[in-house]
Amino acid sequence: MNQEHPSTAADLDVPVLVVGGGGAGLTSSMLLSQLGIAHLPRQRLSNDLDSSQGACA
C-alpha cells in the first residue's frame, strides 16, 4: 500500500473522520488543521443542485 498516494479513502490511516461539508463539518476541519490533527473530511455527493451547498456570507 502506497501511503503517499492511496488508491482509495479506505487505504488512509487518519485518527479523525469529519462527515459532512456543511458549516459544522468545515469548521471542525479548519480547527483540526489549525491544531495539526490529521483528519479526512468527507461529503456525500448530491445530484440535487438546487439544495444548499454551504453557508452564505
PDB file of N, CA and C in Angstrom:
ATOM      1  N   MET A   1       0.842  -1.179   0.000  1.00  0.00           N
ATOM      2  CA  MET A   1       0.000   0.000   0.000  1.00  0.00           C
ATOM      3  C   MET A   1       0.886   1.240   0.000  1.00  0.00           C
ATOM      4  N   ASN A   2       0.631   2.166  -0.898  1.00  0.00           N
ATOM      5  CA  ASN A   2       1.397   3.387  -1.033  1.00  0.00           C
ATOM      6  C   ASN A   2       0.748   4.481  -0.188  1.00  0.00           C
ATOM      7  N   GLN A   3       1.374   4.863   0.936  1.00  0.00           N
ATOM      8  CA  GLN A   3       0.789   5.858   1.834  1.00  0.00           C
ATOM      9  C   GLN A   3       0.827   7.269   1.251  1.00  0.00           C
ATOM     10  N   GLU A   4       1.743   7.536   0.301  1.00  0.00           N
ATOM     11  CA  GLU A   4       1.807   8.871  -0.288  1.00  0.00           C
ATOM     12  C   GLU A   4       0.635   9.117  -1.233  1.00  0.00           C
ATOM     13  N   HIS A   5       0.218   8.103  -1.947  1.00  0.00           N
ATOM     14  CA  HIS A   5      -0.890   8.223  -2.886  1.00  0.00           C
ATOM     15  C   HIS A   5      -1.800   7.014  -2.761  1.00  0.00           C
ATOM     16  N   PRO A   6      -2.629   6.984  -1.710  1.00  0.00           N
ATOM     17  CA  PRO A   6      -3.512   5.830  -1.525  1.00  0.00           C
ATOM     18  C   PRO A   6      -4.496   5.706  -2.674  1.00  0.00           C
ATOM     19  N   SER A   7      -4.855   4.468  -3.004  1.00  0.00           N
ATOM     20  CA  SER A   7      -5.752   4.249  -4.138  1.00  0.00           C
ATOM     21  C   SER A   7      -7.203   4.561  -3.781  1.00  0.00           C
ATOM     22  N   THR A   8      -7.583   4.406  -2.525  1.00  0.00           N
ATOM     23  CA  THR A   8      -8.945   4.714  -2.098  1.00  0.00           C
ATOM     24  C   THR A   8      -8.906   5.330  -0.707  1.00  0.00           C
ATOM     25  N   ALA A   9     -10.029   5.933  -0.301  1.00  0.00           N
ATOM     26  CA  ALA A   9     -10.104   6.505   1.038  1.00  0.00           C
ATOM     27  C   ALA A   9      -9.950   5.433   2.103  1.00  0.00           C
ATOM     28  N   ALA A  10     -10.309   4.190   1.796  1.00  0.00           N
ATOM     29  CA  ALA A  10     -10.187   3.093   2.756  1.00  0.00           C
ATOM     30  C   ALA A  10      -8.724   2.786   3.066  1.00  0.00           C
ATOM     31  N   ASP A  11      -7.805   3.196   2.198  1.00  0.00           N
ATOM     32  CA  ASP A  11      -6.384   2.952   2.407  1.00  0.00           C
ATOM     33  C   ASP A  11      -5.742   3.972   3.337  1.00  0.00           C
ATOM     34  N   LEU A  12      -6.457   5.032   3.690  1.00  0.00           N
ATOM     35  CA  LEU A  12      -5.902   6.066   4.550  1.00  0.00           C
ATOM     36  C   LEU A  12      -5.990   5.672   6.014  1.00  0.00           C
ATOM     37  N   ASP A  13      -4.998   6.096   6.777  1.00  0.00           N
ATOM     38  CA  ASP A  13      -4.996   5.853   8.218  1.00  0.00           C
ATOM     39  C   ASP A  13      -4.984   7.210   8.910  1.00  0.00           C
ATOM     40  N   VAL A  14      -6.171   7.714   9.252  1.00  0.00           N
ATOM     41  CA  VAL A  14      -6.292   9.003   9.929  1.00  0.00           C
ATOM     42  C   VAL A  14      -7.080   8.812  11.224  1.00  0.00           C
ATOM     43  N   PRO A  15      -6.752   9.599  12.260  1.00  0.00           N
ATOM     44  CA  PRO A  15      -7.434   9.420  13.536  1.00  0.00           C
ATOM     45  C   PRO A  15      -8.845  10.003  13.581  1.00  0.00           C
ATOM     46  N   VAL A  16      -9.163  10.954  12.668  1.00  0.00           N
ATOM     47  CA  VAL A  16     -10.463  11.620  12.721  1.00  0.00           C
ATOM     48  C   VAL A  16     -11.090  11.639  11.333  1.00  0.00           C
ATOM     49  N   LEU A  17     -12.354  11.254  11.262  1.00  0.00           N
ATOM     50  CA  LEU A  17     -13.146  11.354  10.031  1.00  0.00           C
ATOM     51  C   LEU A  17     -14.210  12.418  10.260  1.00  0.00           C
ATOM     52  N   VAL A  18     -14.182  13.480   9.459  1.00  0.00           N
ATOM     53  CA  VAL A  18     -15.179  14.545   9.546  1.00  0.00           C
ATOM     54  C   VAL A  18     -16.229  14.258   8.478  1.00  0.00           C
ATOM     55  N   VAL A  19     -17.453  13.989   8.909  1.00  0.00           N
ATOM     56  CA  VAL A  19     -18.518  13.629   7.983  1.00  0.00           C
ATOM     57  C   VAL A  19     -19.404  14.845   7.756  1.00  0.00           C
ATOM     58  N   GLY A  20     -19.486  15.280   6.510  1.00  0.00           N
ATOM     59  CA  GLY A  20     -20.338  16.404   6.146  1.00  0.00           C
ATOM     60  C   GLY A  20     -19.530  17.645   5.833  1.00  0.00           C
ATOM     61  N   GLY A  21     -19.968  18.355   4.802  1.00  0.00           N
ATOM     62  CA  GLY A  21     -19.279  19.566   4.362  1.00  0.00           C
ATOM     63  C   GLY A  21     -20.079  20.816   4.639  1.00  0.00           C
ATOM     64  N   GLY A  22     -20.982  20.754   5.600  1.00  0.00           N
ATOM     65  CA  GLY A  22     -21.735  21.941   5.979  1.00  0.00           C
ATOM     66  C   GLY A  22     -20.916  22.808   6.923  1.00  0.00           C
ATOM     67  N   GLY A  23     -21.586  23.729   7.572  1.00  0.00           N
ATOM     68  CA  GLY A  23     -20.898  24.651   8.468  1.00  0.00           C
ATOM     69  C   GLY A  23     -20.138  23.963   9.582  1.00  0.00           C
ATOM     70  N   ALA A  24     -20.749  22.994  10.231  1.00  0.00           N
ATOM     71  CA  ALA A  24     -20.093  22.296  11.346  1.00  0.00           C
ATOM     72  C   ALA A  24     -18.912  21.457  10.869  1.00  0.00           C
ATOM     73  N   GLY A  25     -19.102  20.743   9.751  1.00  0.00           N
ATOM     74  CA  GLY A  25     -18.017  19.903   9.230  1.00  0.00           C
ATOM     75  C   GLY A  25     -16.819  20.717   8.763  1.00  0.00           C
ATOM     76  N   LEU A  26     -17.089  21.824   8.057  1.00  0.00           N
ATOM     77  CA  LEU A  26     -15.991  22.660   7.577  1.00  0.00           C
ATOM     78  C   LEU A  26     -15.280  23.364   8.727  1.00  0.00           C
ATOM     79  N   THR A  27     -16.037  23.804   9.733  1.00  0.00           N
ATOM     80  CA  THR A  27     -15.425  24.437  10.897  1.00  0.00           C
ATOM     81  C   THR A  27     -14.577  23.428  11.664  1.00  0.00           C
ATOM     82  N   SER A  28     -15.088  22.216  11.831  1.00  0.00           N
ATOM     83  CA  SER A  28     -14.325  21.167  12.507  1.00  0.00           C
ATOM     84  C   SER A  28     -13.037  20.874  11.757  1.00  0.00           C
ATOM     85  N   SER A  29     -13.125  20.783  10.440  1.00  0.00           N
ATOM     86  CA  SER A  29     -11.952  20.509   9.619  1.00  0.00           C
ATOM     87  C   SER A  29     -10.915  21.629   9.750  1.00  0.00           C
ATOM     88  N   MET A  30     -11.381  22.872   9.757  1.00  0.00           N
ATOM     89  CA  MET A  30     -10.477  24.008   9.887  1.00  0.00           C
ATOM     90  C   MET A  30      -9.771  23.986  11.248  1.00  0.00           C
ATOM     91  N   LEU A  31     -10.536  23.735  12.317  1.00  0.00           N
ATOM     92  CA  LEU A  31      -9.948  23.706  13.652  1.00  0.00           C
ATOM     93  C   LEU A  31      -8.962  22.545  13.814  1.00  0.00           C
ATOM     94  N   LEU A  32      -9.303  21.386  13.270  1.00  0.00           N
ATOM     95  CA  LEU A  32      -8.383  20.251  13.325  1.00  0.00           C
ATOM     96  C   LEU A  32      -7.085  20.564  12.586  1.00  0.00           C
ATOM     97  N   SER A  33      -7.189  21.246  11.450  1.00  0.00           N
ATOM     98  CA  SER A  33      -5.992  21.641  10.697  1.00  0.00           C
ATOM     99  C   SER A  33      -5.128  22.590  11.508  1.00  0.00           C
ATOM    100  N   GLN A  34      -5.759  23.567  12.159  1.00  0.00           N
ATOM    101  CA  GLN A  34      -5.015  24.533  12.967  1.00  0.00           C
ATOM    102  C   GLN A  34      -4.306  23.856  14.145  1.00  0.00           C
ATOM    103  N   LEU A  35      -4.898  22.785  14.662  1.00  0.00           N
ATOM    104  CA  LEU A  35      -4.301  22.051  15.772  1.00  0.00           C
ATOM    105  C   LEU A  35      -3.285  21.005  15.308  1.00  0.00           C
ATOM    106  N   GLY A  36      -3.161  20.840  14.000  1.00  0.00           N
ATOM    107  CA  GLY A  36      -2.206  19.872  13.458  1.00  0.00           C
ATOM    108  C   GLY A  36      -2.669  18.437  13.575  1.00  0.00           C
ATOM    109  N   ILE A  37      -3.978  18.226  13.679  1.00  0.00           N
ATOM    110  CA  ILE A  37      -4.533  16.880  13.810  1.00  0.00           C
ATOM    111  C   ILE A  37      -4.931  16.362  12.424  1.00  0.00           C
ATOM    112  N   ALA A  38      -4.384  15.224  12.051  1.00  0.00           N
ATOM    113  CA  ALA A  38      -4.716  14.629  10.757  1.00  0.00           C
ATOM    114  C   ALA A  38      -6.175  14.223  10.736  1.00  0.00           C
ATOM    115  N   HIS A  39      -6.841  14.503   9.633  1.00  0.00           N
ATOM    116  CA  HIS A  39      -8.260  14.170   9.524  1.00  0.00           C
ATOM    117  C   HIS A  39      -8.627  14.028   8.048  1.00  0.00           C
ATOM    118  N   LEU A  40      -9.793  13.456   7.823  1.00  0.00           N
ATOM    119  CA  LEU A  40     -10.287  13.258   6.468  1.00  0.00           C
ATOM    120  C   LEU A  40     -11.709  13.787   6.388  1.00  0.00           C
ATOM    121  N   PRO A  41     -11.908  14.928   5.727  1.00  0.00           N
ATOM    122  CA  PRO A  41     -13.273  15.422   5.537  1.00  0.00           C
ATOM    123  C   PRO A  41     -13.933  14.693   4.369  1.00  0.00           C
ATOM    124  N   ARG A  42     -15.173  14.264   4.559  1.00  0.00           N
ATOM    125  CA  ARG A  42     -15.908  13.557   3.504  1.00  0.00           C
ATOM    126  C   ARG A  42     -17.284  14.182   3.355  1.00  0.00           C
ATOM    127  N   GLN A  43     -17.710  14.359   2.123  1.00  0.00           N
ATOM    128  CA  GLN A  43     -19.022  14.914   1.803  1.00  0.00           C
ATOM    129  C   GLN A  43     -19.722  13.961   0.849  1.00  0.00           C
ATOM    130  N   ARG A  44     -20.955  13.651   1.136  1.00  0.00           N
ATOM    131  CA  ARG A  44     -21.735  12.804   0.237  1.00  0.00           C
ATOM    132  C   ARG A  44     -22.047  13.604  -1.021  1.00  0.00           C
ATOM    133  N   LEU A  45     -21.884  12.987  -2.164  1.00  0.00           N
ATOM    134  CA  LEU A  45     -22.207  13.659  -3.425  1.00  0.00           C
ATOM    135  C   LEU A  45     -23.712  13.724  -3.603  1.00  0.00           C
ATOM    136  N   SER A  46     -24.192  14.844  -4.105  1.00  0.00           N
ATOM    137  CA  SER A  46     -25.621  15.038  -4.313  1.00  0.00           C
ATOM    138  C   SER A  46     -25.877  15.405  -5.765  1.00  0.00           C
ATOM    139  N   ASN A  47     -26.897  14.813  -6.345  1.00  0.00           N
ATOM    140  CA  ASN A  47     -27.294  15.165  -7.703  1.00  0.00           C
ATOM    141  C   ASN A  47     -28.265  16.334  -7.716  1.00  0.00           C
ATOM    142  N   ASP A  48     -28.716  16.747  -6.524  1.00  0.00           N
ATOM    143  CA  ASP A  48     -29.690  17.833  -6.395  1.00  0.00           C
ATOM    144  C   ASP A  48     -28.947  19.160  -6.262  1.00  0.00           C
ATOM    145  N   LEU A  49     -28.761  19.860  -7.380  1.00  0.00           N
ATOM    146  CA  LEU A  49     -28.017  21.114  -7.361  1.00  0.00           C
ATOM    147  C   LEU A  49     -28.843  22.271  -6.815  1.00  0.00           C
ATOM    148  N   ASP A  50     -30.142  22.055  -6.554  1.00  0.00           N
ATOM    149  CA  ASP A  50     -30.976  23.119  -6.003  1.00  0.00           C
ATOM    150  C   ASP A  50     -30.885  23.189  -4.482  1.00  0.00           C
ATOM    151  N   SER A  51     -30.224  22.193  -3.865  1.00  0.00           N
ATOM    152  CA  SER A  51     -30.121  22.194  -2.403  1.00  0.00           C
ATOM    153  C   SER A  51     -28.953  23.060  -1.963  1.00  0.00           C
ATOM    154  N   SER A  52     -28.943  23.426  -0.688  1.00  0.00           N
ATOM    155  CA  SER A  52     -27.877  24.250  -0.117  1.00  0.00           C
ATOM    156  C   SER A  52     -26.560  23.487  -0.189  1.00  0.00           C
ATOM    157  N   GLN A  53     -25.509  24.147  -0.596  1.00  0.00           N
ATOM    158  CA  GLN A  53     -24.181  23.537  -0.710  1.00  0.00           C
ATOM    159  C   GLN A  53     -23.173  24.190   0.216  1.00  0.00           C
ATOM    160  N   GLY A  54     -23.606  25.061   1.105  1.00  0.00           N
ATOM    161  CA  GLY A  54     -22.686  25.697   2.042  1.00  0.00           C
ATOM    162  C   GLY A  54     -23.341  26.887   2.702  1.00  0.00           C
ATOM    163  N   ALA A  55     -22.595  27.531   3.565  1.00  0.00           N
ATOM    164  CA  ALA A  55     -23.124  28.683   4.298  1.00  0.00           C
ATOM    165  C   ALA A  55     -23.025  29.944   3.443  1.00  0.00           C
ATOM    166  N   CYS A  56     -23.946  30.831   3.644  1.00  0.00           N
ATOM    167  CA  CYS A  56     -23.945  32.120   2.946  1.00  0.00           C
ATOM    168  C   CYS A  56     -23.242  33.141   3.820  1.00  0.00           C
ATOM    169  N   ALA A  57     -22.468  34.003   3.207  1.00  0.00           N
ATOM    170  CA  ALA A  57     -21.748  35.038   3.969  1.00  0.00           C
ATOM    171  C   ALA A  57     -22.532  36.323   4.005  1.00  0.00           C
TER     172      ALA A  57
END
